[in-house]
Each structure stands twice: as C-alpha cells, then as structure tokens.
C-alpha atoms as a PDB file:
ATOM      1  CA  UNK A   1      96.569 101.157 111.363  1.00  0.00           C
ATOM      2  CA  UNK A   2      98.331  98.582 114.289  1.00  0.00           C
ATOM      3  CA  UNK A   3     101.868  97.871 113.568  1.00  0.00           C
ATOM      4  CA  UNK A   4     103.784  95.680 115.518  1.00  0.00           C
ATOM      5  CA  UNK A   5     107.602  95.008 115.596  1.00  0.00           C
ATOM      6  CA  UNK A   6     109.837  92.009 116.979  1.00  0.00           C
ATOM      7  CA  UNK A   7     113.246  91.742 115.903  1.00  0.00           C
ATOM      8  CA  UNK A   8     114.483  88.388 115.473  1.00  0.00           C
ATOM      9  CA  UNK A   9     117.900  86.311 115.290  1.00  0.00           C
ATOM     10  CA  UNK A  10     115.560  84.165 112.237  1.00  0.00           C
ATOM     11  CA  UNK A  11     112.022  84.053 111.404  1.00  0.00           C
ATOM     12  CA  UNK A  12     109.711  81.606 109.714  1.00  0.00           C
ATOM     13  CA  UNK A  13     106.255  82.508 108.256  1.00  0.00           C
ATOM     14  CA  UNK A  14     104.144  79.516 106.045  1.00  0.00           C
ATOM     15  CA  UNK A  15     101.864  79.904 103.036  1.00  0.00           C
ATOM     16  CA  UNK A  16      98.953  78.328 104.032  1.00  0.00           C
ATOM     17  CA  UNK A  17      98.114  77.553  99.888  1.00  0.00           C
ATOM     18  CA  UNK A  18     100.808  76.169  99.297  1.00  0.00           C
ATOM     19  CA  UNK A  19     102.656  75.309 102.220  1.00  0.00           C
ATOM     20  CA  UNK A  20     106.217  77.217 101.311  1.00  0.00           C
ATOM     21  CA  UNK A  21     108.261  78.443 103.854  1.00  0.00           C
ATOM     22  CA  UNK A  22     109.851  81.863 103.599  1.00  0.00           C
ATOM     23  CA  UNK A  23     112.852  81.859 106.292  1.00  0.00           C
ATOM     24  CA  UNK A  24     115.321  85.053 107.073  1.00  0.00           C
ATOM     25  CA  UNK A  25     117.723  85.704 109.092  1.00  0.00           C
ATOM     26  CA  UNK A  26     118.778  87.943 111.543  1.00  0.00           C
ATOM     27  CA  UNK A  27     115.990  90.887 111.006  1.00  0.00           C
ATOM     28  CA  UNK A  28     112.339  91.832 111.978  1.00  0.00           C
ATOM     29  CA  UNK A  29     109.010  90.674 112.309  1.00  0.00           C
ATOM     30  CA  UNK A  30     106.613  93.490 111.331  1.00  0.00           C
ATOM     31  CA  UNK A  31     102.601  92.243 112.322  1.00  0.00           C
ATOM     32  CA  UNK A  32     100.704  94.860 110.360  1.00  0.00           C
ATOM     33  CA  UNK A  33      96.596  95.276 111.257  1.00  0.00           C
ATOM     34  CA  UNK A  34      94.739  97.685 109.246  1.00  0.00           C
ATOM     35  CA  UNK A  35      90.945  98.786 109.350  1.00  0.00           C
ATOM     36  CA  UNK A  36      88.562 100.823 107.191  1.00  0.00           C
ATOM     37  CA  UNK A  37      88.848 104.231 107.048  1.00  0.00           C
ATOM     38  CA  UNK A  38      93.442 103.557 106.891  1.00  0.00           C
ATOM     39  CA  UNK A  39      94.618 105.378 104.020  1.00  0.00           C
ATOM     40  CA  UNK A  40      97.651 104.214 101.557  1.00  0.00           C
ATOM     41  CA  UNK A  41      98.716 107.471 102.273  1.00  0.00           C
ATOM     42  CA  UNK A  42      98.592 106.429 105.714  1.00  0.00           C
ATOM     43  CA  UNK A  43     100.648 102.793 105.443  1.00  0.00           C
ATOM     44  CA  UNK A  44     103.402 104.555 103.111  1.00  0.00           C
ATOM     45  CA  UNK A  45     104.153 107.138 106.129  1.00  0.00           C
ATOM     46  CA  UNK A  46     104.151 104.034 108.585  1.00  0.00           C
ATOM     47  CA  UNK A  47     106.003 102.236 106.232  1.00  0.00           C
ATOM     48  CA  UNK A  48     109.187 104.837 105.513  1.00  0.00           C
ATOM     49  CA  UNK A  49     109.122 105.351 109.007  1.00  0.00           C
ATOM     50  CA  UNK A  50     109.417 101.539 110.114  1.00  0.00           C
ATOM     51  CA  UNK A  51     112.541 101.450 107.223  1.00  0.00           C
ATOM     52  CA  UNK A  52     114.364 104.225 108.936  1.00  0.00           C
ATOM     53  CA  UNK A  53     114.202 102.650 112.512  1.00  0.00           C
ATOM     54  CA  UNK A  54     117.645 102.350 114.153  1.00  0.00           C
ATOM     55  CA  UNK A  55     116.610  99.028 116.050  1.00  0.00           C
ATOM     56  CA  UNK A  56     120.139  96.788 114.809  1.00  0.00           C
ATOM     57  CA  UNK A  57     123.969  97.959 116.163  1.00  0.00           C
ATOM     58  CA  UNK A  58     125.226  99.636 112.899  1.00  0.00           C
ATOM     59  CA  UNK A  59     127.248  96.479 111.204  1.00  0.00           C
ATOM     60  CA  UNK A  60     130.963  96.825 111.079  1.00  0.00           C
ATOM     61  CA  UNK A  61     132.965  98.807 108.786  1.00  0.00           C
ATOM     62  CA  UNK A  62     129.127  99.411 106.693  1.00  0.00           C
ATOM     63  CA  UNK A  63     127.386 102.346 106.328  1.00  0.00           C
ATOM     64  CA  UNK A  64     125.887 103.254 110.213  1.00  0.00           C
END
C-alpha cells in the first residue's frame, strides 16, 4: 500500500461516470494505491494514522 498526502487550498475530483465534480476548500488530497495482499487491518491502521496527522496549524479558538 502506498499513500501520498498533499495539502491543498482547494481541489476537485470529477466522476467519469456521471461527470459530476466534488469540490473541497482547504484540506488534504489523499491518493492511495493498493496491491494484492494488502489487508483491511492495514488500511484501517493507515486511515487512523492519517486522521491524526497534524498537517494544518491549529484553528484560533478551537481544539488543537
């Protein structure tokens, strides 16, 4: 499993089937590649790890 994380000020992804685009503001784009033999446990572990990354400064007045 390979994961690339990129901080973005905005991004969009177009669905090739419907042509509909999903847009986000500031956030992160996470590109993930799986291969045969990657387990659900490993994917769950990586999702948890990514969700706890501190890649943005804390927001004023909010939780860190």
